[in-house]
């Protein structure tokens, strides 16, 4: 045999190499995807965590707004008067209230 030249492998040797490569590919795939949580499962969970954090941030903003409204209703006379007039139809002394009702 000359230097740098390979002999042609027979069909059995080629099949063995293909089987070995297939085995290595399967092992690599199992290392990435196998087990209880594969890579795609972890990526999906990461996306769900991101969505949950966004929703929590949004709800925290709503809660802050509601706390501010509660504080105004409990302690701000202008807000209390506005609610009394709009919701309950209350008027000050000497004022008249006109209501327009659709037929």
PDB file of N, CA and C in Angstrom:
ATOM      1  N   UNK A   1       0.844  -1.170   0.000  1.00  0.00           N
ATOM      2  CA  UNK A   1       0.000   0.000   0.000  1.00  0.00           C
ATOM      3  C   UNK A   1       0.890   1.234   0.000  1.00  0.00           C
ATOM      4  N   UNK A   2       0.547   2.195  -0.845  1.00  0.00           N
ATOM      5  CA  UNK A   2       1.340   3.418  -0.958  1.00  0.00           C
ATOM      6  C   UNK A   2       0.922   4.396   0.109  1.00  0.00           C
ATOM      7  N   UNK A   3       1.827   5.345   0.395  1.00  0.00           N
ATOM      8  CA  UNK A   3       1.510   6.348   1.413  1.00  0.00           C
ATOM      9  C   UNK A   3       0.354   7.233   0.937  1.00  0.00           C
ATOM     10  N   UNK A   4      -0.546   7.582   1.886  1.00  0.00           N
ATOM     11  CA  UNK A   4      -1.638   8.492   1.584  1.00  0.00           C
ATOM     12  C   UNK A   4      -2.804   7.856   0.854  1.00  0.00           C
ATOM     13  N   UNK A   5      -2.739   6.617   0.523  1.00  0.00           N
ATOM     14  CA  UNK A   5      -3.844   5.953  -0.167  1.00  0.00           C
ATOM     15  C   UNK A   5      -4.533   4.993   0.794  1.00  0.00           C
ATOM     16  N   UNK A   6      -5.837   5.009   0.730  1.00  0.00           N
ATOM     17  CA  UNK A   6      -6.608   4.092   1.576  1.00  0.00           C
ATOM     18  C   UNK A   6      -7.168   2.987   0.709  1.00  0.00           C
ATOM     19  N   UNK A   7      -7.318   1.878   1.324  1.00  0.00           N
ATOM     20  CA  UNK A   7      -7.981   0.800   0.607  1.00  0.00           C
ATOM     21  C   UNK A   7      -9.476   1.020   0.715  1.00  0.00           C
ATOM     22  N   UNK A   8     -10.176   0.589  -0.292  1.00  0.00           N
ATOM     23  CA  UNK A   8     -11.632   0.723  -0.250  1.00  0.00           C
ATOM     24  C   UNK A   8     -12.193  -0.234   0.788  1.00  0.00           C
ATOM     25  N   UNK A   9     -13.146   0.317   1.581  1.00  0.00           N
ATOM     26  CA  UNK A   9     -13.754  -0.507   2.618  1.00  0.00           C
ATOM     27  C   UNK A   9     -14.870  -1.334   2.006  1.00  0.00           C
ATOM     28  N   UNK A  10     -15.067  -2.476   2.552  1.00  0.00           N
ATOM     29  CA  UNK A  10     -16.130  -3.350   2.075  1.00  0.00           C
ATOM     30  C   UNK A  10     -17.477  -2.891   2.608  1.00  0.00           C
ATOM     31  N   UNK A  11     -18.545  -3.517   2.122  1.00  0.00           N
ATOM     32  CA  UNK A  11     -19.887  -3.140   2.544  1.00  0.00           C
ATOM     33  C   UNK A  11     -20.107  -3.337   4.038  1.00  0.00           C
ATOM     34  N   UNK A  12     -19.504  -4.340   4.634  1.00  0.00           N
ATOM     35  CA  UNK A  12     -19.678  -4.566   6.072  1.00  0.00           C
ATOM     36  C   UNK A  12     -19.008  -3.452   6.872  1.00  0.00           C
ATOM     37  N   UNK A  13     -17.824  -3.038   6.452  1.00  0.00           N
ATOM     38  CA  UNK A  13     -17.121  -1.972   7.159  1.00  0.00           C
ATOM     39  C   UNK A  13     -17.889  -0.660   7.030  1.00  0.00           C
ATOM     40  N   UNK A  14     -18.441  -0.388   5.854  1.00  0.00           N
ATOM     41  CA  UNK A  14     -19.217   0.830   5.638  1.00  0.00           C
ATOM     42  C   UNK A  14     -20.484   0.819   6.494  1.00  0.00           C
ATOM     43  N   UNK A  15     -21.144  -0.309   6.563  1.00  0.00           N
ATOM     44  CA  UNK A  15     -22.347  -0.446   7.384  1.00  0.00           C
ATOM     45  C   UNK A  15     -21.996  -0.257   8.860  1.00  0.00           C
ATOM     46  N   UNK A  16     -20.861  -0.780   9.278  1.00  0.00           N
ATOM     47  CA  UNK A  16     -20.433  -0.611  10.667  1.00  0.00           C
ATOM     48  C   UNK A  16     -20.151   0.847  11.000  1.00  0.00           C
ATOM     49  N   UNK A  17     -19.495   1.544  10.066  1.00  0.00           N
ATOM     50  CA  UNK A  17     -19.222   2.972  10.296  1.00  0.00           C
ATOM     51  C   UNK A  17     -20.520   3.775  10.359  1.00  0.00           C
ATOM     52  N   UNK A  18     -21.437   3.477   9.438  1.00  0.00           N
ATOM     53  CA  UNK A  18     -22.723   4.171   9.456  1.00  0.00           C
ATOM     54  C   UNK A  18     -23.479   3.900  10.754  1.00  0.00           C
ATOM     55  N   UNK A  19     -23.424   2.665  11.219  1.00  0.00           N
ATOM     56  CA  UNK A  19     -24.082   2.320  12.480  1.00  0.00           C
ATOM     57  C   UNK A  19     -23.437   3.069  13.640  1.00  0.00           C
ATOM     58  N   UNK A  20     -22.099   3.163  13.622  1.00  0.00           N
ATOM     59  CA  UNK A  20     -21.391   3.892  14.686  1.00  0.00           C
ATOM     60  C   UNK A  20     -21.755   5.373  14.654  1.00  0.00           C
ATOM     61  N   UNK A  21     -21.783   5.975  13.462  1.00  0.00           N
ATOM     62  CA  UNK A  21     -22.178   7.382  13.339  1.00  0.00           C
ATOM     63  C   UNK A  21     -23.623   7.579  13.786  1.00  0.00           C
ATOM     64  N   UNK A  22     -24.485   6.650  13.430  1.00  0.00           N
ATOM     65  CA  UNK A  22     -25.879   6.739  13.873  1.00  0.00           C
ATOM     66  C   UNK A  22     -25.996   6.677  15.376  1.00  0.00           C
ATOM     67  N   UNK A  23     -25.193   5.797  15.979  1.00  0.00           N
ATOM     68  CA  UNK A  23     -25.193   5.686  17.434  1.00  0.00           C
ATOM     69  C   UNK A  23     -24.730   6.996  18.069  1.00  0.00           C
ATOM     70  N   UNK A  24     -23.647   7.579  17.542  1.00  0.00           N
ATOM     71  CA  UNK A  24     -23.141   8.844  18.088  1.00  0.00           C
ATOM     72  C   UNK A  24     -24.153   9.976  17.909  1.00  0.00           C
ATOM     73  N   UNK A  25     -24.828  10.004  16.773  1.00  0.00           N
ATOM     74  CA  UNK A  25     -25.864  11.018  16.571  1.00  0.00           C
ATOM     75  C   UNK A  25     -27.018  10.834  17.553  1.00  0.00           C
ATOM     76  N   UNK A  26     -27.396   9.584  17.801  1.00  0.00           N
ATOM     77  CA  UNK A  26     -28.454   9.318  18.772  1.00  0.00           C
ATOM     78  C   UNK A  26     -28.038   9.748  20.172  1.00  0.00           C
ATOM     79  N   UNK A  27     -26.797   9.453  20.550  1.00  0.00           N
ATOM     80  CA  UNK A  27     -26.295   9.854  21.877  1.00  0.00           C
ATOM     81  C   UNK A  27     -26.287  11.375  21.998  1.00  0.00           C
ATOM     82  N   UNK A  28     -25.837  12.070  20.955  1.00  0.00           N
ATOM     83  CA  UNK A  28     -25.821  13.536  20.988  1.00  0.00           C
ATOM     84  C   UNK A  28     -27.249  14.086  21.080  1.00  0.00           C
ATOM     85  N   UNK A  29     -28.167  13.515  20.304  1.00  0.00           N
ATOM     86  CA  UNK A  29     -29.557  13.959  20.359  1.00  0.00           C
ATOM     87  C   UNK A  29     -30.141  13.720  21.749  1.00  0.00           C
ATOM     88  N   UNK A  30     -29.879  12.574  22.326  1.00  0.00           N
ATOM     89  CA  UNK A  30     -30.396  12.252  23.659  1.00  0.00           C
ATOM     90  C   UNK A  30     -29.811  13.194  24.712  1.00  0.00           C
ATOM     91  N   UNK A  31     -28.550  13.571  24.543  1.00  0.00           N
ATOM     92  CA  UNK A  31     -27.926  14.493  25.505  1.00  0.00           C
ATOM     93  C   UNK A  31     -28.607  15.853  25.466  1.00  0.00           C
ATOM     94  N   UNK A  32     -29.064  16.276  24.287  1.00  0.00           N
ATOM     95  CA  UNK A  32     -29.701  17.590  24.162  1.00  0.00           C
ATOM     96  C   UNK A  32     -31.192  17.516  24.480  1.00  0.00           C
ATOM     97  N   UNK A  33     -31.864  16.520  23.975  1.00  0.00           N
ATOM     98  CA  UNK A  33     -33.313  16.455  24.082  1.00  0.00           C
ATOM     99  C   UNK A  33     -33.825  15.475  25.131  1.00  0.00           C
ATOM    100  N   UNK A  34     -33.024  14.551  25.538  1.00  0.00           N
ATOM    101  CA  UNK A  34     -33.525  13.477  26.382  1.00  0.00           C
ATOM    102  C   UNK A  34     -33.696  13.881  27.832  1.00  0.00           C
ATOM    103  N   UNK A  35     -34.141  12.946  28.589  1.00  0.00           N
ATOM    104  CA  UNK A  35     -34.332  13.171  30.015  1.00  0.00           C
ATOM    105  C   UNK A  35     -35.716  13.721  30.306  1.00  0.00           C
ATOM    106  N   UNK A  36     -35.911  14.133  31.546  1.00  0.00           N
ATOM    107  CA  UNK A  36     -37.221  14.624  31.967  1.00  0.00           C
ATOM    108  C   UNK A  36     -37.587  15.923  31.269  1.00  0.00           C
ATOM    109  N   UNK A  37     -36.634  16.856  31.188  1.00  0.00           N
ATOM    110  CA  UNK A  37     -36.864  18.131  30.512  1.00  0.00           C
ATOM    111  C   UNK A  37     -35.837  18.291  29.402  1.00  0.00           C
ATOM    112  N   UNK A  38     -36.290  18.220  28.176  1.00  0.00           N
ATOM    113  CA  UNK A  38     -35.411  18.435  27.036  1.00  0.00           C
ATOM    114  C   UNK A  38     -35.214  19.926  26.799  1.00  0.00           C
ATOM    115  N   UNK A  39     -34.372  20.216  25.851  1.00  0.00           N
ATOM    116  CA  UNK A  39     -34.062  21.608  25.559  1.00  0.00           C
ATOM    117  C   UNK A  39     -35.300  22.375  25.117  1.00  0.00           C
ATOM    118  N   UNK A  40     -36.129  21.787  24.267  1.00  0.00           N
ATOM    119  CA  UNK A  40     -37.336  22.492  23.828  1.00  0.00           C
ATOM    120  C   UNK A  40     -38.300  22.715  24.988  1.00  0.00           C
ATOM    121  N   UNK A  41     -38.370  21.763  25.923  1.00  0.00           N
ATOM    122  CA  UNK A  41     -39.215  21.948  27.109  1.00  0.00           C
ATOM    123  C   UNK A  41     -38.709  23.116  27.948  1.00  0.00           C
ATOM    124  N   UNK A  42     -37.409  23.204  28.125  1.00  0.00           N
ATOM    125  CA  UNK A  42     -36.843  24.301  28.908  1.00  0.00           C
ATOM    126  C   UNK A  42     -37.075  25.645  28.230  1.00  0.00           C
ATOM    127  N   UNK A  43     -36.948  25.700  26.911  1.00  0.00           N
ATOM    128  CA  UNK A  43     -37.214  26.941  26.191  1.00  0.00           C
ATOM    129  C   UNK A  43     -38.688  27.333  26.301  1.00  0.00           C
ATOM    130  N   UNK A  44     -39.573  26.352  26.222  1.00  0.00           N
ATOM    131  CA  UNK A  44     -41.008  26.617  26.363  1.00  0.00           C
ATOM    132  C   UNK A  44     -41.320  27.137  27.764  1.00  0.00           C
ATOM    133  N   UNK A  45     -40.705  26.538  28.777  1.00  0.00           N
ATOM    134  CA  UNK A  45     -40.921  26.992  30.147  1.00  0.00           C
ATOM    135  C   UNK A  45     -40.373  28.401  30.357  1.00  0.00           C
ATOM    136  N   UNK A  46     -39.248  28.701  29.732  1.00  0.00           N
ATOM    137  CA  UNK A  46     -38.675  30.042  29.833  1.00  0.00           C
ATOM    138  C   UNK A  46     -39.645  31.075  29.255  1.00  0.00           C
ATOM    139  N   UNK A  47     -40.287  30.734  28.146  1.00  0.00           N
ATOM    140  CA  UNK A  47     -41.280  31.624  27.548  1.00  0.00           C
ATOM    141  C   UNK A  47     -42.484  31.818  28.459  1.00  0.00           C
ATOM    142  N   UNK A  48     -42.929  30.740  29.099  1.00  0.00           N
ATOM    143  CA  UNK A  48     -44.059  30.851  30.029  1.00  0.00           C
ATOM    144  C   UNK A  48     -43.711  31.725  31.225  1.00  0.00           C
ATOM    145  N   UNK A  49     -42.483  31.611  31.727  1.00  0.00           N
ATOM    146  CA  UNK A  49     -42.041  32.447  32.848  1.00  0.00           C
ATOM    147  C   UNK A  49     -42.047  33.913  32.431  1.00  0.00           C
ATOM    148  N   UNK A  50     -41.564  34.186  31.213  1.00  0.00           N
ATOM    149  CA  UNK A  50     -41.532  35.563  30.708  1.00  0.00           C
ATOM    150  C   UNK A  50     -42.948  36.120  30.621  1.00  0.00           C
ATOM    151  N   UNK A  51     -43.903  35.327  30.122  1.00  0.00           N
ATOM    152  CA  UNK A  51     -45.294  35.776  30.034  1.00  0.00           C
ATOM    153  C   UNK A  51     -45.877  36.021  31.421  1.00  0.00           C
ATOM    154  N   UNK A  52     -45.589  35.139  32.361  1.00  0.00           N
ATOM    155  CA  UNK A  52     -46.112  35.297  33.720  1.00  0.00           C
ATOM    156  C   UNK A  52     -45.557  36.562  34.366  1.00  0.00           C
ATOM    157  N   UNK A  53     -44.273  36.842  34.162  1.00  0.00           N
ATOM    158  CA  UNK A  53     -43.679  38.063  34.737  1.00  0.00           C
ATOM    159  C   UNK A  53     -44.313  39.310  34.135  1.00  0.00           C
ATOM    160  N   UNK A  54     -44.568  39.284  32.829  1.00  0.00           N
ATOM    161  CA  UNK A  54     -45.218  40.420  32.181  1.00  0.00           C
ATOM    162  C   UNK A  54     -46.610  40.631  32.761  1.00  0.00           C
ATOM    163  N   UNK A  55     -47.329  39.550  32.954  1.00  0.00           N
ATOM    164  CA  UNK A  55     -48.688  39.655  33.514  1.00  0.00           C
ATOM    165  C   UNK A  55     -48.654  40.162  34.950  1.00  0.00           C
ATOM    166  N   UNK A  56     -47.698  39.691  35.737  1.00  0.00           N
ATOM    167  CA  UNK A  56     -47.572  40.149  37.122  1.00  0.00           C
ATOM    168  C   UNK A  56     -47.260  41.640  37.154  1.00  0.00           C
ATOM    169  N   UNK A  57     -46.347  42.089  36.294  1.00  0.00           N
ATOM    170  CA  UNK A  57     -46.019  43.515  36.234  1.00  0.00           C
ATOM    171  C   UNK A  57     -47.252  44.348  35.888  1.00  0.00           C
ATOM    172  N   UNK A  58     -48.045  43.860  34.940  1.00  0.00           N
ATOM    173  CA  UNK A  58     -49.260  44.559  34.546  1.00  0.00           C
ATOM    174  C   UNK A  58     -50.245  44.633  35.721  1.00  0.00           C
ATOM    175  N   UNK A  59     -50.420  43.518  36.406  1.00  0.00           N
ATOM    176  CA  UNK A  59     -51.347  43.493  37.543  1.00  0.00           C
ATOM    177  C   UNK A  59     -50.855  44.358  38.689  1.00  0.00           C
ATOM    178  N   UNK A  60     -49.547  44.439  38.885  1.00  0.00           N
ATOM    179  CA  UNK A  60     -49.012  45.323  39.926  1.00  0.00           C
ATOM    180  C   UNK A  60     -49.339  46.777  39.609  1.00  0.00           C
ATOM    181  N   UNK A  61     -49.296  47.153  38.332  1.00  0.00           N
ATOM    182  CA  UNK A  61     -49.687  48.509  37.934  1.00  0.00           C
ATOM    183  C   UNK A  61     -51.155  48.773  38.218  1.00  0.00           C
ATOM    184  N   UNK A  62     -52.003  47.789  37.953  1.00  0.00           N
ATOM    185  CA  UNK A  62     -53.432  47.931  38.243  1.00  0.00           C
ATOM    186  C   UNK A  62     -53.651  48.099  39.740  1.00  0.00           C
ATOM    187  N   UNK A  63     -52.959  47.316  40.549  1.00  0.00           N
ATOM    188  CA  UNK A  63     -53.102  47.396  42.002  1.00  0.00           C
ATOM    189  C   UNK A  63     -52.659  48.770  42.510  1.00  0.00           C
ATOM    190  N   UNK A  64     -51.543  49.284  41.962  1.00  0.00           N
ATOM    191  CA  UNK A  64     -51.092  50.626  42.367  1.00  0.00           C
ATOM    192  C   UNK A  64     -52.156  51.674  42.058  1.00  0.00           C
ATOM    193  N   UNK A  65     -52.765  51.571  40.866  1.00  0.00           N
ATOM    194  CA  UNK A  65     -53.818  52.516  40.496  1.00  0.00           C
ATOM    195  C   UNK A  65     -55.026  52.421  41.413  1.00  0.00           C
ATOM    196  N   UNK A  66     -55.409  51.202  41.756  1.00  0.00           N
ATOM    197  CA  UNK A  66     -56.560  51.022  42.649  1.00  0.00           C
ATOM    198  C   UNK A  66     -56.268  51.523  44.062  1.00  0.00           C
ATOM    199  N   UNK A  67     -55.051  51.339  44.526  1.00  0.00           N
ATOM    200  CA  UNK A  67     -54.691  51.868  45.860  1.00  0.00           C
ATOM    201  C   UNK A  67     -54.763  53.387  45.870  1.00  0.00           C
ATOM    202  N   UNK A  68     -54.306  54.017  44.781  1.00  0.00           N
ATOM    203  CA  UNK A  68     -54.365  55.475  44.690  1.00  0.00           C
ATOM    204  C   UNK A  68     -55.813  55.951  44.669  1.00  0.00           C
ATOM    205  N   UNK A  69     -56.664  55.254  43.913  1.00  0.00           N
ATOM    206  CA  UNK A  69     -58.084  55.627  43.886  1.00  0.00           C
ATOM    207  C   UNK A  69     -58.724  55.458  45.267  1.00  0.00           C
ATOM    208  N   UNK A  70     -58.361  54.382  45.953  1.00  0.00           N
ATOM    209  CA  UNK A  70     -58.907  54.166  47.304  1.00  0.00           C
ATOM    210  C   UNK A  70     -58.489  55.295  48.229  1.00  0.00           C
ATOM    211  N   UNK A  71     -57.219  55.694  48.137  1.00  0.00           N
ATOM    212  CA  UNK A  71     -56.727  56.784  48.994  1.00  0.00           C
ATOM    213  C   UNK A  71     -57.493  58.069  48.706  1.00  0.00           C
ATOM    214  N   UNK A  72     -57.741  58.356  47.419  1.00  0.00           N
ATOM    215  CA  UNK A  72     -58.482  59.563  47.060  1.00  0.00           C
ATOM    216  C   UNK A  72     -59.919  59.509  47.555  1.00  0.00           C
ATOM    217  N   UNK A  73     -60.571  58.365  47.428  1.00  0.00           N
ATOM    218  CA  UNK A  73     -61.962  58.232  47.881  1.00  0.00           C
ATOM    219  C   UNK A  73     -62.050  58.408  49.390  1.00  0.00           C
ATOM    220  N   UNK A  74     -61.073  57.908  50.116  1.00  0.00           N
ATOM    221  CA  UNK A  74     -61.117  57.997  51.579  1.00  0.00           C
ATOM    222  C   UNK A  74     -60.724  59.366  52.111  1.00  0.00           C
ATOM    223  N   UNK A  75     -59.868  60.110  51.379  1.00  0.00           N
ATOM    224  CA  UNK A  75     -59.314  61.320  52.004  1.00  0.00           C
ATOM    225  C   UNK A  75     -59.452  62.601  51.185  1.00  0.00           C
ATOM    226  N   UNK A  76     -59.825  62.544  49.919  1.00  0.00           N
ATOM    227  CA  UNK A  76     -59.886  63.741  49.084  1.00  0.00           C
ATOM    228  C   UNK A  76     -61.324  64.242  48.975  1.00  0.00           C
ATOM    229  N   UNK A  77     -61.609  65.434  49.516  1.00  0.00           N
ATOM    230  CA  UNK A  77     -62.988  65.941  49.478  1.00  0.00           C
ATOM    231  C   UNK A  77     -63.510  66.163  48.045  1.00  0.00           C
ATOM    232  N   UNK A  78     -62.671  66.583  47.138  1.00  0.00           N
ATOM    233  CA  UNK A  78     -63.124  66.812  45.768  1.00  0.00           C
ATOM    234  C   UNK A  78     -63.557  65.498  45.114  1.00  0.00           C
ATOM    235  N   UNK A  79     -62.817  64.446  45.344  1.00  0.00           N
ATOM    236  CA  UNK A  79     -63.182  63.137  44.799  1.00  0.00           C
ATOM    237  C   UNK A  79     -64.466  62.631  45.432  1.00  0.00           C
ATOM    238  N   UNK A  80     -64.599  62.809  46.724  1.00  0.00           N
ATOM    239  CA  UNK A  80     -65.816  62.372  47.415  1.00  0.00           C
ATOM    240  C   UNK A  80     -67.037  63.119  46.883  1.00  0.00           C
ATOM    241  N   UNK A  81     -66.887  64.429  46.657  1.00  0.00           N
ATOM    242  CA  UNK A  81     -68.004  65.209  46.133  1.00  0.00           C
ATOM    243  C   UNK A  81     -68.352  64.779  44.709  1.00  0.00           C
ATOM    244  N   UNK A  82     -67.351  64.539  43.888  1.00  0.00           N
ATOM    245  CA  UNK A  82     -67.592  64.112  42.515  1.00  0.00           C
ATOM    246  C   UNK A  82     -68.368  62.792  42.494  1.00  0.00           C
ATOM    247  N   UNK A  83     -67.963  61.848  43.343  1.00  0.00           N
ATOM    248  CA  UNK A  83     -68.656  60.550  43.403  1.00  0.00           C
ATOM    249  C   UNK A  83     -70.091  60.733  43.901  1.00  0.00           C
ATOM    250  N   UNK A  84     -70.261  61.573  44.915  1.00  0.00           N
ATOM    251  CA  UNK A  84     -71.605  61.808  45.445  1.00  0.00           C
ATOM    252  C   UNK A  84     -72.513  62.399  44.376  1.00  0.00           C
ATOM    253  N   UNK A  85     -71.991  63.321  43.583  1.00  0.00           N
ATOM    254  CA  UNK A  85     -72.810  63.945  42.545  1.00  0.00           C
ATOM    255  C   UNK A  85     -73.086  62.973  41.392  1.00  0.00           C
ATOM    256  N   UNK A  86     -72.062  62.285  40.923  1.00  0.00           N
ATOM    257  CA  UNK A  86     -72.223  61.418  39.752  1.00  0.00           C
ATOM    258  C   UNK A  86     -73.002  60.153  40.059  1.00  0.00           C
ATOM    259  N   UNK A  87     -72.657  59.504  41.156  1.00  0.00           N
ATOM    260  CA  UNK A  87     -73.243  58.196  41.454  1.00  0.00           C
ATOM    261  C   UNK A  87     -74.590  58.281  42.166  1.00  0.00           C
ATOM    262  N   UNK A  88     -74.715  59.243  43.068  1.00  0.00           N
ATOM    263  CA  UNK A  88     -75.903  59.272  43.922  1.00  0.00           C
ATOM    264  C   UNK A  88     -76.825  60.442  43.615  1.00  0.00           C
ATOM    265  N   UNK A  89     -76.461  61.322  42.691  1.00  0.00           N
ATOM    266  CA  UNK A  89     -77.323  62.440  42.319  1.00  0.00           C
ATOM    267  C   UNK A  89     -77.492  63.466  43.419  1.00  0.00           C
ATOM    268  N   UNK A  90     -76.543  63.568  44.304  1.00  0.00           N
ATOM    269  CA  UNK A  90     -76.636  64.533  45.406  1.00  0.00           C
ATOM    270  C   UNK A  90     -76.320  65.936  44.885  1.00  0.00           C
ATOM    271  N   UNK A  91     -76.946  66.928  45.510  1.00  0.00           N
ATOM    272  CA  UNK A  91     -76.743  68.324  45.125  1.00  0.00           C
ATOM    273  C   UNK A  91     -76.456  69.145  46.381  1.00  0.00           C
ATOM    274  N   UNK A  92     -75.866  70.303  46.158  1.00  0.00           N
ATOM    275  CA  UNK A  92     -75.643  71.236  47.271  1.00  0.00           C
ATOM    276  C   UNK A  92     -76.932  72.023  47.519  1.00  0.00           C
ATOM    277  N   UNK A  93     -76.923  72.722  48.621  1.00  0.00           N
ATOM    278  CA  UNK A  93     -78.087  73.552  48.944  1.00  0.00           C
ATOM    279  C   UNK A  93     -78.298  74.597  47.860  1.00  0.00           C
ATOM    280  N   UNK A  94     -79.540  74.726  47.405  1.00  0.00           N
ATOM    281  CA  UNK A  94     -79.873  75.737  46.418  1.00  0.00           C
ATOM    282  C   UNK A  94     -79.662  75.286  44.981  1.00  0.00           C
ATOM    283  N   UNK A  95     -79.112  74.114  44.751  1.00  0.00           N
ATOM    284  CA  UNK A  95     -78.899  73.623  43.389  1.00  0.00           C
ATOM    285  C   UNK A  95     -80.100  72.796  42.958  1.00  0.00           C
ATOM    286  N   UNK A  96     -80.322  72.755  41.669  1.00  0.00           N
ATOM    287  CA  UNK A  96     -81.368  71.915  41.104  1.00  0.00           C
ATOM    288  C   UNK A  96     -80.710  70.847  40.251  1.00  0.00           C
ATOM    289  N   UNK A  97     -81.292  69.666  40.273  1.00  0.00           N
ATOM    290  CA  UNK A  97     -80.766  68.560  39.475  1.00  0.00           C
ATOM    291  C   UNK A  97     -81.765  68.222  38.393  1.00  0.00           C
ATOM    292  N   UNK A  98     -81.309  68.270  37.158  1.00  0.00           N
ATOM    293  CA  UNK A  98     -82.160  67.914  36.026  1.00  0.00           C
ATOM    294  C   UNK A  98     -81.690  66.563  35.495  1.00  0.00           C
ATOM    295  N   UNK A  99     -82.645  65.648  35.306  1.00  0.00           N
ATOM    296  CA  UNK A  99     -82.316  64.343  34.734  1.00  0.00           C
ATOM    297  C   UNK A  99     -83.074  64.188  33.435  1.00  0.00           C
ATOM    298  N   UNK A 100     -82.357  63.759  32.423  1.00  0.00           N
ATOM    299  CA  UNK A 100     -82.977  63.519  31.130  1.00  0.00           C
ATOM    300  C   UNK A 100     -83.062  62.017  30.934  1.00  0.00           C
ATOM    301  N   UNK A 101     -84.277  61.541  30.751  1.00  0.00           N
ATOM    302  CA  UNK A 101     -84.512  60.103  30.630  1.00  0.00           C
ATOM    303  C   UNK A 101     -84.944  59.810  29.196  1.00  0.00           C
ATOM    304  N   UNK A 102     -84.339  58.807  28.610  1.00  0.00           N
ATOM    305  CA  UNK A 102     -84.741  58.391  27.275  1.00  0.00           C
ATOM    306  C   UNK A 102     -86.102  57.723  27.330  1.00  0.00           C
ATOM    307  N   UNK A 103     -86.972  58.018  26.354  1.00  0.00           N
ATOM    308  CA  UNK A 103     -88.301  57.404  26.381  1.00  0.00           C
ATOM    309  C   UNK A 103     -88.245  55.915  26.129  1.00  0.00           C
TER     310      UNK A 103
END
